[in-house]
């Protein structure tokens, strides 16, 4: 319970909770009186976890200029508005439904790209951790 309260306090103070948890894991491993291969393996795995955590934090903190997103949105808006003129000779009366379907698909892909720019804000990490 003490560890849980400590972690809750870190979360409340907006400190780096995952790094604190790995530090606690390393302390528990270091306090283990048996210094066998299992303990070394645990320490190696925690070390790898810390490295992965560092990689995830680098991904999260890498800024993406908002001009990329704005430019893509504007380009897709123009493209979607000019698309009916390009496909009318081929589609005829079906130009409007075809344009709507194609534009909806492309805009969906663009929205997915925007969400992937900030992957940690869209994943339900709390539900994953609770289960």
Foldseek 3Di string as FASTA:
>chain_A
DVVVVVLVVCVVVVHDSVVVVLVVQVVVLVPDPDPDPVSVVSVVVSVVVVVVVVVVVVLQPDDDDCVVLVVVVVVLVVCLVCQLVVCCVPQPPCSVVVSVVVSVVVVVVSVVVVCVSRVVVPDPVVVVVVD
